[in-house]
PDB file of N, CA and C in Angstrom:
ATOM      1  N   UNK A   1     131.023  93.912 -39.928  1.00  0.00           N
ATOM      2  CA  UNK A   1     130.241  92.842 -40.526  1.00  0.00           C
ATOM      3  C   UNK A   1     129.182  93.458 -41.427  1.00  0.00           C
ATOM      4  N   UNK A   2     129.047  92.911 -42.607  1.00  0.00           N
ATOM      5  CA  UNK A   2     128.038  93.356 -43.565  1.00  0.00           C
ATOM      6  C   UNK A   2     126.974  92.281 -43.668  1.00  0.00           C
ATOM      7  N   UNK A   3     125.728  92.694 -43.459  1.00  0.00           N
ATOM      8  CA  UNK A   3     124.593  91.783 -43.590  1.00  0.00           C
ATOM      9  C   UNK A   3     123.838  92.137 -44.864  1.00  0.00           C
ATOM     10  N   UNK A   4     123.425  91.112 -45.590  1.00  0.00           N
ATOM     11  CA  UNK A   4     122.631  91.320 -46.796  1.00  0.00           C
ATOM     12  C   UNK A   4     121.565  90.248 -46.880  1.00  0.00           C
ATOM     13  N   UNK A   5     120.479  90.619 -47.516  1.00  0.00           N
ATOM     14  CA  UNK A   5     119.370  89.705 -47.766  1.00  0.00           C
ATOM     15  C   UNK A   5     119.315  89.500 -49.269  1.00  0.00           C
ATOM     16  N   UNK A   6     119.382  88.250 -49.717  1.00  0.00           N
ATOM     17  CA  UNK A   6     119.335  87.961 -51.140  1.00  0.00           C
ATOM     18  C   UNK A   6     118.034  87.223 -51.431  1.00  0.00           C
ATOM     19  N   UNK A   7     117.182  87.865 -52.218  1.00  0.00           N
ATOM     20  CA  UNK A   7     115.912  87.265 -52.642  1.00  0.00           C
ATOM     21  C   UNK A   7     116.192  86.487 -53.921  1.00  0.00           C
ATOM     22  N   UNK A   8     115.728  85.253 -53.969  1.00  0.00           N
ATOM     23  CA  UNK A   8     116.102  84.353 -55.063  1.00  0.00           C
ATOM     24  C   UNK A   8     114.861  83.766 -55.729  1.00  0.00           C
ATOM     25  N   UNK A   9     114.779  83.949 -57.040  1.00  0.00           N
ATOM     26  CA  UNK A   9     113.770  83.243 -57.832  1.00  0.00           C
ATOM     27  C   UNK A   9     114.472  82.013 -58.395  1.00  0.00           C
ATOM     28  N   UNK A  10     113.894  80.845 -58.143  1.00  0.00           N
ATOM     29  CA  UNK A  10     114.539  79.593 -58.517  1.00  0.00           C
ATOM     30  C   UNK A  10     113.655  78.745 -59.423  1.00  0.00           C
ATOM     31  N   UNK A  11     114.304  77.822 -60.104  1.00  0.00           N
ATOM     32  CA  UNK A  11     113.556  76.822 -60.861  1.00  0.00           C
ATOM     33  C   UNK A  11     112.833  75.944 -59.849  1.00  0.00           C
ATOM     34  N   UNK A  12     111.516  75.747 -60.002  1.00  0.00           N
ATOM     35  CA  UNK A  12     110.735  75.013 -58.999  1.00  0.00           C
ATOM     36  C   UNK A  12     111.302  73.644 -58.630  1.00  0.00           C
ATOM     37  N   UNK A  13     111.809  72.921 -59.591  1.00  0.00           N
ATOM     38  CA  UNK A  13     112.318  71.575 -59.308  1.00  0.00           C
ATOM     39  C   UNK A  13     113.644  71.582 -58.540  1.00  0.00           C
ATOM     40  N   UNK A  14     114.282  72.752 -58.409  1.00  0.00           N
ATOM     41  CA  UNK A  14     115.590  72.844 -57.762  1.00  0.00           C
ATOM     42  C   UNK A  14     115.550  73.551 -56.403  1.00  0.00           C
ATOM     43  N   UNK A  15     114.377  73.972 -55.937  1.00  0.00           N
ATOM     44  CA  UNK A  15     114.312  74.803 -54.733  1.00  0.00           C
ATOM     45  C   UNK A  15     114.964  74.135 -53.521  1.00  0.00           C
ATOM     46  N   UNK A  16     114.583  72.936 -53.193  1.00  0.00           N
ATOM     47  CA  UNK A  16     115.130  72.281 -51.996  1.00  0.00           C
ATOM     48  C   UNK A  16     116.626  72.011 -52.128  1.00  0.00           C
ATOM     49  N   UNK A  17     117.040  71.479 -53.268  1.00  0.00           N
ATOM     50  CA  UNK A  17     118.464  71.187 -53.480  1.00  0.00           C
ATOM     51  C   UNK A  17     119.280  72.470 -53.504  1.00  0.00           C
ATOM     52  N   UNK A  18     118.725  73.509 -54.087  1.00  0.00           N
ATOM     53  CA  UNK A  18     119.410  74.798 -54.141  1.00  0.00           C
ATOM     54  C   UNK A  18     119.583  75.372 -52.741  1.00  0.00           C
ATOM     55  N   UNK A  19     118.566  75.289 -51.925  1.00  0.00           N
ATOM     56  CA  UNK A  19     118.662  75.788 -50.546  1.00  0.00           C
ATOM     57  C   UNK A  19     119.771  75.064 -49.795  1.00  0.00           C
ATOM     58  N   UNK A  20     119.845  73.748 -49.931  1.00  0.00           N
ATOM     59  CA  UNK A  20     120.908  72.966 -49.283  1.00  0.00           C
ATOM     60  C   UNK A  20     122.284  73.374 -49.801  1.00  0.00           C
ATOM     61  N   UNK A  21     122.384  73.582 -51.101  1.00  0.00           N
ATOM     62  CA  UNK A  21     123.653  73.985 -51.712  1.00  0.00           C
ATOM     63  C   UNK A  21     124.090  75.358 -51.207  1.00  0.00           C
ATOM     64  N   UNK A  22     123.170  76.306 -51.195  1.00  0.00           N
ATOM     65  CA  UNK A  22     123.521  77.675 -50.814  1.00  0.00           C
ATOM     66  C   UNK A  22     123.928  77.800 -49.355  1.00  0.00           C
ATOM     67  N   UNK A  23     123.212  77.135 -48.455  1.00  0.00           N
ATOM     68  CA  UNK A  23     123.509  77.275 -47.026  1.00  0.00           C
ATOM     69  C   UNK A  23     124.870  76.680 -46.671  1.00  0.00           C
ATOM     70  N   UNK A  24     125.407  75.841 -47.524  1.00  0.00           N
ATOM     71  CA  UNK A  24     126.724  75.257 -47.285  1.00  0.00           C
ATOM     72  C   UNK A  24     127.865  76.160 -47.768  1.00  0.00           C
ATOM     73  N   UNK A  25     127.517  77.249 -48.429  1.00  0.00           N
ATOM     74  CA  UNK A  25     128.547  78.128 -48.992  1.00  0.00           C
ATOM     75  C   UNK A  25     129.048  79.139 -47.972  1.00  0.00           C
ATOM     76  N   UNK A  26     130.308  79.515 -48.121  1.00  0.00           N
ATOM     77  CA  UNK A  26     130.923  80.522 -47.265  1.00  0.00           C
ATOM     78  C   UNK A  26     130.145  81.836 -47.383  1.00  0.00           C
ATOM     79  N   UNK A  27     129.840  82.435 -46.258  1.00  0.00           N
ATOM     80  CA  UNK A  27     129.153  83.719 -46.229  1.00  0.00           C
ATOM     81  C   UNK A  27     127.641  83.624 -46.146  1.00  0.00           C
ATOM     82  N   UNK A  28     127.077  82.467 -46.484  1.00  0.00           N
ATOM     83  CA  UNK A  28     125.619  82.297 -46.419  1.00  0.00           C
ATOM     84  C   UNK A  28     125.290  81.708 -45.048  1.00  0.00           C
ATOM     85  N   UNK A  29     124.639  82.522 -44.212  1.00  0.00           N
ATOM     86  CA  UNK A  29     124.341  82.107 -42.839  1.00  0.00           C
ATOM     87  C   UNK A  29     123.078  81.274 -42.742  1.00  0.00           C
ATOM     88  N   UNK A  30     122.056  81.645 -43.507  1.00  0.00           N
ATOM     89  CA  UNK A  30     120.756  80.960 -43.443  1.00  0.00           C
ATOM     90  C   UNK A  30     120.085  81.061 -44.801  1.00  0.00           C
ATOM     91  N   UNK A  31     119.232  80.096 -45.097  1.00  0.00           N
ATOM     92  CA  UNK A  31     118.395  80.136 -46.302  1.00  0.00           C
ATOM     93  C   UNK A  31     116.987  79.749 -45.887  1.00  0.00           C
ATOM     94  N   UNK A  32     116.023  80.539 -46.328  1.00  0.00           N
ATOM     95  CA  UNK A  32     114.619  80.292 -46.010  1.00  0.00           C
ATOM     96  C   UNK A  32     113.838  80.016 -47.289  1.00  0.00           C
ATOM     97  N   UNK A  33     112.972  79.031 -47.260  1.00  0.00           N
ATOM     98  CA  UNK A  33     112.000  78.802 -48.315  1.00  0.00           C
ATOM     99  C   UNK A  33     110.793  79.660 -47.964  1.00  0.00           C
ATOM    100  N   UNK A  34     110.336  80.487 -48.907  1.00  0.00           N
ATOM    101  CA  UNK A  34     109.288  81.461 -48.597  1.00  0.00           C
ATOM    102  C   UNK A  34     108.185  81.462 -49.658  1.00  0.00           C
ATOM    103  N   UNK A  35     107.095  82.127 -49.323  1.00  0.00           N
ATOM    104  CA  UNK A  35     106.012  82.316 -50.277  1.00  0.00           C
ATOM    105  C   UNK A  35     106.167  83.673 -50.936  1.00  0.00           C
ATOM    106  N   UNK A  36     105.449  83.870 -52.033  1.00  0.00           N
ATOM    107  CA  UNK A  36     105.457  85.170 -52.685  1.00  0.00           C
ATOM    108  C   UNK A  36     106.228  85.159 -53.988  1.00  0.00           C
ATOM    109  N   UNK A  37     106.700  86.330 -54.384  1.00  0.00           N
ATOM    110  CA  UNK A  37     107.379  86.503 -55.663  1.00  0.00           C
ATOM    111  C   UNK A  37     108.688  85.715 -55.752  1.00  0.00           C
ATOM    112  N   UNK A  38     109.367  85.575 -54.623  1.00  0.00           N
ATOM    113  CA  UNK A  38     110.642  84.857 -54.586  1.00  0.00           C
ATOM    114  C   UNK A  38     110.449  83.498 -53.916  1.00  0.00           C
ATOM    115  N   UNK A  39     111.357  82.584 -54.201  1.00  0.00           N
ATOM    116  CA  UNK A  39     111.258  81.223 -53.685  1.00  0.00           C
ATOM    117  C   UNK A  39     112.124  80.998 -52.453  1.00  0.00           C
ATOM    118  N   UNK A  40     113.282  81.648 -52.423  1.00  0.00           N
ATOM    119  CA  UNK A  40     114.232  81.497 -51.329  1.00  0.00           C
ATOM    120  C   UNK A  40     114.747  82.864 -50.898  1.00  0.00           C
ATOM    121  N   UNK A  41     115.106  82.948 -49.632  1.00  0.00           N
ATOM    122  CA  UNK A  41     115.773  84.133 -49.099  1.00  0.00           C
ATOM    123  C   UNK A  41     117.047  83.654 -48.422  1.00  0.00           C
ATOM    124  N   UNK A  42     118.174  84.215 -48.853  1.00  0.00           N
ATOM    125  CA  UNK A  42     119.462  83.863 -48.248  1.00  0.00           C
ATOM    126  C   UNK A  42     119.943  85.040 -47.406  1.00  0.00           C
ATOM    127  N   UNK A  43     120.330  84.750 -46.183  1.00  0.00           N
ATOM    128  CA  UNK A  43     120.915  85.754 -45.298  1.00  0.00           C
ATOM    129  C   UNK A  43     122.424  85.612 -45.414  1.00  0.00           C
ATOM    130  N   UNK A  44     123.066  86.681 -45.879  1.00  0.00           N
ATOM    131  CA  UNK A  44     124.504  86.657 -46.115  1.00  0.00           C
ATOM    132  C   UNK A  44     125.183  87.550 -45.089  1.00  0.00           C
ATOM    133  N   UNK A  45     126.259  87.047 -44.491  1.00  0.00           N
ATOM    134  CA  UNK A  45     127.047  87.822 -43.521  1.00  0.00           C
ATOM    135  C   UNK A  45     128.516  87.679 -43.888  1.00  0.00           C
ATOM    136  N   UNK A  46     129.136  88.804 -44.238  1.00  0.00           N
ATOM    137  CA  UNK A  46     130.538  88.811 -44.658  1.00  0.00           C
ATOM    138  C   UNK A  46     131.269  89.977 -44.008  1.00  0.00           C
ATOM    139  N   UNK A  47     132.578  89.985 -44.138  1.00  0.00           N
ATOM    140  CA  UNK A  47     133.379  91.010 -43.501  1.00  0.00           C
ATOM    141  C   UNK A  47     133.609  92.255 -44.326  1.00  0.00           C
ATOM    142  N   UNK A  48     133.482  92.168 -45.647  1.00  0.00           N
ATOM    143  CA  UNK A  48     133.771  93.314 -46.507  1.00  0.00           C
ATOM    144  C   UNK A  48     132.871  93.302 -47.735  1.00  0.00           C
ATOM    145  N   UNK A  49     132.711  94.478 -48.356  1.00  0.00           N
ATOM    146  CA  UNK A  49     131.873  94.564 -49.550  1.00  0.00           C
ATOM    147  C   UNK A  49     132.409  93.687 -50.688  1.00  0.00           C
ATOM    148  N   UNK A  50     133.724  93.575 -50.785  1.00  0.00           N
ATOM    149  CA  UNK A  50     134.310  92.720 -51.813  1.00  0.00           C
ATOM    150  C   UNK A  50     133.878  91.266 -51.608  1.00  0.00           C
ATOM    151  N   UNK A  51     133.794  90.842 -50.347  1.00  0.00           N
ATOM    152  CA  UNK A  51     133.335  89.487 -50.038  1.00  0.00           C
ATOM    153  C   UNK A  51     131.878  89.313 -50.437  1.00  0.00           C
ATOM    154  N   UNK A  52     131.081  90.356 -50.206  1.00  0.00           N
ATOM    155  CA  UNK A  52     129.667  90.308 -50.578  1.00  0.00           C
ATOM    156  C   UNK A  52     129.527  90.136 -52.085  1.00  0.00           C
ATOM    157  N   UNK A  53     130.313  90.875 -52.829  1.00  0.00           N
ATOM    158  CA  UNK A  53     130.271  90.763 -54.287  1.00  0.00           C
ATOM    159  C   UNK A  53     130.604  89.348 -54.734  1.00  0.00           C
ATOM    160  N   UNK A  54     131.613  88.735 -54.114  1.00  0.00           N
ATOM    161  CA  UNK A  54     131.981  87.365 -54.476  1.00  0.00           C
ATOM    162  C   UNK A  54     130.883  86.373 -54.129  1.00  0.00           C
ATOM    163  N   UNK A  55     130.342  86.474 -52.911  1.00  0.00           N
ATOM    164  CA  UNK A  55     129.313  85.532 -52.468  1.00  0.00           C
ATOM    165  C   UNK A  55     128.070  85.626 -53.348  1.00  0.00           C
ATOM    166  N   UNK A  56     127.636  86.849 -53.658  1.00  0.00           N
ATOM    167  CA  UNK A  56     126.397  87.016 -54.422  1.00  0.00           C
ATOM    168  C   UNK A  56     126.614  86.786 -55.911  1.00  0.00           C
ATOM    169  N   UNK A  57     127.559  87.479 -56.522  1.00  0.00           N
ATOM    170  CA  UNK A  57     127.677  87.393 -57.982  1.00  0.00           C
ATOM    171  C   UNK A  57     128.367  86.127 -58.472  1.00  0.00           C
ATOM    172  N   UNK A  58     129.341  85.636 -57.725  1.00  0.00           N
ATOM    173  CA  UNK A  58     130.060  84.437 -58.169  1.00  0.00           C
ATOM    174  C   UNK A  58     129.557  83.165 -57.494  1.00  0.00           C
ATOM    175  N   UNK A  59     128.772  83.313 -56.451  1.00  0.00           N
ATOM    176  CA  UNK A  59     128.289  82.146 -55.722  1.00  0.00           C
ATOM    177  C   UNK A  59     126.802  81.922 -55.910  1.00  0.00           C
ATOM    178  N   UNK A  60     125.996  82.785 -55.319  1.00  0.00           N
ATOM    179  CA  UNK A  60     124.547  82.593 -55.348  1.00  0.00           C
ATOM    180  C   UNK A  60     123.973  82.739 -56.752  1.00  0.00           C
ATOM    181  N   UNK A  61     124.284  83.831 -57.424  1.00  0.00           N
ATOM    182  CA  UNK A  61     123.660  84.122 -58.728  1.00  0.00           C
ATOM    183  C   UNK A  61     123.996  83.097 -59.800  1.00  0.00           C
ATOM    184  N   UNK A  62     125.127  82.431 -59.661  1.00  0.00           N
ATOM    185  CA  UNK A  62     125.533  81.454 -60.678  1.00  0.00           C
ATOM    186  C   UNK A  62     125.220  80.011 -60.293  1.00  0.00           C
ATOM    187  N   UNK A  63     124.615  79.814 -59.141  1.00  0.00           N
ATOM    188  CA  UNK A  63     124.285  78.456 -58.690  1.00  0.00           C
ATOM    189  C   UNK A  63     123.221  77.835 -59.598  1.00  0.00           C
ATOM    190  N   UNK A  64     123.324  76.539 -59.775  1.00  0.00           N
ATOM    191  CA  UNK A  64     122.373  75.827 -60.628  1.00  0.00           C
ATOM    192  C   UNK A  64     120.959  75.961 -60.072  1.00  0.00           C
ATOM    193  N   UNK A  65     120.046  76.425 -60.910  1.00  0.00           N
ATOM    194  CA  UNK A  65     118.656  76.569 -60.513  1.00  0.00           C
ATOM    195  C   UNK A  65     118.245  77.994 -60.180  1.00  0.00           C
ATOM    196  N   UNK A  66     119.185  78.914 -60.089  1.00  0.00           N
ATOM    197  CA  UNK A  66     118.859  80.310 -59.804  1.00  0.00           C
ATOM    198  C   UNK A  66     118.462  80.993 -61.105  1.00  0.00           C
ATOM    199  N   UNK A  67     117.277  81.582 -61.101  1.00  0.00           N
ATOM    200  CA  UNK A  67     116.809  82.329 -62.261  1.00  0.00           C
ATOM    201  C   UNK A  67     117.141  83.813 -62.142  1.00  0.00           C
ATOM    202  N   UNK A  68     117.000  84.346 -60.913  1.00  0.00           N
ATOM    203  CA  UNK A  68     117.159  85.785 -60.711  1.00  0.00           C
ATOM    204  C   UNK A  68     117.385  86.035 -59.238  1.00  0.00           C
ATOM    205  N   UNK A  69     118.160  87.083 -58.930  1.00  0.00           N
ATOM    206  CA  UNK A  69     118.356  87.490 -57.537  1.00  0.00           C
ATOM    207  C   UNK A  69     118.104  88.981 -57.392  1.00  0.00           C
ATOM    208  N   UNK A  70     117.810  89.365 -56.174  1.00  0.00           N
ATOM    209  CA  UNK A  70     117.661  90.777 -55.812  1.00  0.00           C
ATOM    210  C   UNK A  70     118.290  90.909 -54.430  1.00  0.00           C
ATOM    211  N   UNK A  71     119.312  91.745 -54.318  1.00  0.00           N
ATOM    212  CA  UNK A  71     120.069  91.843 -53.071  1.00  0.00           C
ATOM    213  C   UNK A  71     119.776  93.147 -52.340  1.00  0.00           C
ATOM    214  N   UNK A  72     119.527  93.025 -51.046  1.00  0.00           N
ATOM    215  CA  UNK A  72     119.317  94.166 -50.164  1.00  0.00           C
ATOM    216  C   UNK A  72     120.463  94.190 -49.159  1.00  0.00           C
ATOM    217  N   UNK A  73     121.207  95.294 -49.103  1.00  0.00           N
ATOM    218  CA  UNK A  73     122.308  95.417 -48.154  1.00  0.00           C
ATOM    219  C   UNK A  73     121.803  96.198 -46.951  1.00  0.00           C
ATOM    220  N   UNK A  74     122.030  95.654 -45.772  1.00  0.00           N
ATOM    221  CA  UNK A  74     121.538  96.283 -44.539  1.00  0.00           C
ATOM    222  C   UNK A  74     122.446  97.443 -44.131  1.00  0.00           C
ATOM    223  N   UNK A  75     121.840  98.581 -43.790  1.00  0.00           N
ATOM    224  CA  UNK A  75     122.583  99.695 -43.210  1.00  0.00           C
ATOM    225  C   UNK A  75     122.942  99.386 -41.766  1.00  0.00           C
ATOM    226  N   UNK A  76     121.965  98.842 -41.072  1.00  0.00           N
ATOM    227  CA  UNK A  76     122.123  98.533 -39.656  1.00  0.00           C
ATOM    228  C   UNK A  76     121.333  97.257 -39.376  1.00  0.00           C
ATOM    229  N   UNK A  77     121.843  96.432 -38.486  1.00  0.00           N
ATOM    230  CA  UNK A  77     121.166  95.188 -38.138  1.00  0.00           C
ATOM    231  C   UNK A  77     120.673  95.263 -36.709  1.00  0.00           C
ATOM    232  N   UNK A  78     119.407  94.944 -36.518  1.00  0.00           N
ATOM    233  CA  UNK A  78     118.799  94.903 -35.188  1.00  0.00           C
ATOM    234  C   UNK A  78     118.474  93.449 -34.894  1.00  0.00           C
ATOM    235  N   UNK A  79     118.911  92.962 -33.753  1.00  0.00           N
ATOM    236  CA  UNK A  79     118.640  91.576 -33.386  1.00  0.00           C
ATOM    237  C   UNK A  79     118.086  91.523 -31.975  1.00  0.00           C
ATOM    238  N   UNK A  80     117.195  90.601 -31.758  1.00  0.00           N
ATOM    239  CA  UNK A  80     116.691  90.327 -30.415  1.00  0.00           C
ATOM    240  C   UNK A  80     117.603  89.264 -29.831  1.00  0.00           C
ATOM    241  N   UNK A  81     118.511  89.662 -28.983  1.00  0.00           N
ATOM    242  CA  UNK A  81     119.507  88.741 -28.431  1.00  0.00           C
ATOM    243  C   UNK A  81     118.860  87.588 -27.665  1.00  0.00           C
ATOM    244  N   UNK A  82     117.729  87.830 -27.045  1.00  0.00           N
ATOM    245  CA  UNK A  82     117.058  86.778 -26.280  1.00  0.00           C
ATOM    246  C   UNK A  82     116.397  85.733 -27.179  1.00  0.00           C
ATOM    247  N   UNK A  83     116.042  86.119 -28.402  1.00  0.00           N
ATOM    248  CA  UNK A  83     115.321  85.218 -29.297  1.00  0.00           C
ATOM    249  C   UNK A  83     116.094  83.928 -29.546  1.00  0.00           C
ATOM    250  N   UNK A  84     117.365  84.030 -29.856  1.00  0.00           N
ATOM    251  CA  UNK A  84     118.158  82.843 -30.170  1.00  0.00           C
ATOM    252  C   UNK A  84     118.245  81.889 -28.984  1.00  0.00           C
ATOM    253  N   UNK A  85     118.242  82.435 -27.791  1.00  0.00           N
ATOM    254  CA  UNK A  85     118.369  81.596 -26.609  1.00  0.00           C
ATOM    255  C   UNK A  85     117.039  80.991 -26.187  1.00  0.00           C
ATOM    256  N   UNK A  86     115.929  81.532 -26.662  1.00  0.00           N
ATOM    257  CA  UNK A  86     114.607  81.041 -26.274  1.00  0.00           C
ATOM    258  C   UNK A  86     114.091  79.899 -27.155  1.00  0.00           C
ATOM    259  N   UNK A  87     114.698  79.676 -28.286  1.00  0.00           N
ATOM    260  CA  UNK A  87     114.197  78.666 -29.214  1.00  0.00           C
ATOM    261  C   UNK A  87     114.249  77.279 -28.550  1.00  0.00           C
ATOM    262  N   UNK A  88     113.106  76.634 -28.506  1.00  0.00           N
ATOM    263  CA  UNK A  88     113.022  75.268 -28.005  1.00  0.00           C
ATOM    264  C   UNK A  88     113.067  75.127 -26.493  1.00  0.00           C
ATOM    265  N   UNK A  89     112.930  76.202 -25.763  1.00  0.00           N
ATOM    266  CA  UNK A  89     113.004  76.088 -24.313  1.00  0.00           C
ATOM    267  C   UNK A  89     111.641  75.984 -23.665  1.00  0.00           C
ATOM    268  N   UNK A  90     110.576  76.124 -24.451  1.00  0.00           N
ATOM    269  CA  UNK A  90     109.217  76.042 -23.877  1.00  0.00           C
ATOM    270  C   UNK A  90     108.767  74.604 -23.773  1.00  0.00           C
TER     271      UNK A  90
END
């Protein structure tokens, strides 16, 4: 499994609609609206580098409202397995 983080600069009027559009696409696991230089962060999880190229260059980068992307490919992924199970249990 290949994990990547895609930082997205978007047209302000399209941020919410773009986030909804992107999270519905194959390979995009999550999309976050964030503060700072970028407007959205997409977490991409695919099986091969070729899939990553398709998701980012033919999917995310060409989506309506995307101005610019910056992709970070993870060497290794660290997850807190308990975190997912603790959400909403308090």
